[in-house]
């Protein structure tokens, strides 16, 4: 887009004149020079056509007429009555220069916005993702304006160079923060692993599960607040979640692990995390509002910048209002989940009590079975004694008969008495055994 135009024209008196028109971007004015034919020599006309029109400076002779127009206020760029060979070129140049003026104003607005971003990044103590997102959104807007041809190439290149420098600066800040965060994350990971290993050891040693479960909840609370890199956080969570499940399984059995309580807890924890992010986002919007208000109060760039900043404030306010509504919905859901978690805890306590009753019943059952086995062993021992007594009685009968035949009447009386005594003893043993069996 050329900013200077040179062509021949004529005055109302039909005098031939050289017309030179130039647009000055610095002050947004158009200067029109009318040179009479007697000073517009062939050499001067060639200099104007070949040098001045291309942006070079040429010494001017005394002009017959010089006019200055404001780009917005100008209706005609040449005096009334003067005509040129190509008035259409003048109209075309005026339209192009008017567009260039508006493009310059738009570029100035984006340059001011970029200065704000640059100031925020320069004053930042550490990298924040919001800074990267804001700069990326800004650059997307610039690219869209360039694609729609609202920004000319020089403006686009100038803004692109500045934006790339800011992105490089943010990358360096992010790398530095990532290195520090990873180092700090490794320390926190080891600390969590140490605490979890201690609890795992206590679980294996059979210590009280309820206090260990409460200790795990405290560790979980610290874990949710801890800033760690993703792979460290995933490893710690895997260990933490595994211990929760182990304790629940030992305390309540397999049904507790399979129940929906853990899913409900994860949903609740995820909601808390989302609420925290939403609150942080609202706080960032509040900081942006404060920043824009201060820039409006201290701004010297003019009415256009103030209007743009007010539009940004309106946009931020609407965005923040939407987030507050969402946060209110999250709070209601949080209350509902807390109520459901409380009900789940009561159910778990009830299941634990029922499991304890079942355990005691099982122990009593086993004890009865053991007592019955012991009684059976005692009966078997008595039966063995009876068998031995019977065998002994059977062996003594022939000897008693022989003595009865060979002995005198007195000795016979004695043998008969011994036999009766033996039979009485066996009968007593049999009677005792029968009584015990009946009992």
Foldseek 3Di string as FASTA:
>chain_A
DFFKDWFWKAALVRFIWIWIWGADLVQQKIKIFTAGPVQCDPVNSCCCVPPVRRPHDDDDDDTPDMDMGHLVPDPARDDPRMDTPCVVVRVVSSVVSNLVNQLVVVLVLLVVVLVVLVVVLVPDPAADVVSVVVLVVSLVVLVVCVVVVSHDDVSSVVVVVSSVVSVVSNVVRVVVVVVVQAVVQVVVLVVLVVVLVVLVVCVVVPPDLVVSLVVLVVSVVVLLVDRHDDVSSVVSVVSSVVVNLVSLCVQQNPVSNVDCLVVLVVVLSVLVSVLVVLVVVLVVLVVLLVVLVVCLVVPPPDDVSNVVSVVVNVVSVVVSVVSVVVSVVSVVVNVVSVVVSVVVVVVSVVSSVVVVVVVVVVVVVVVVVVVVVVVVVVLVVLVVVLVVLVVVLVVCVVVLVVCLVPDDPVSNVVSVVVNVVSVVVSVVSVVVSVVVVVD
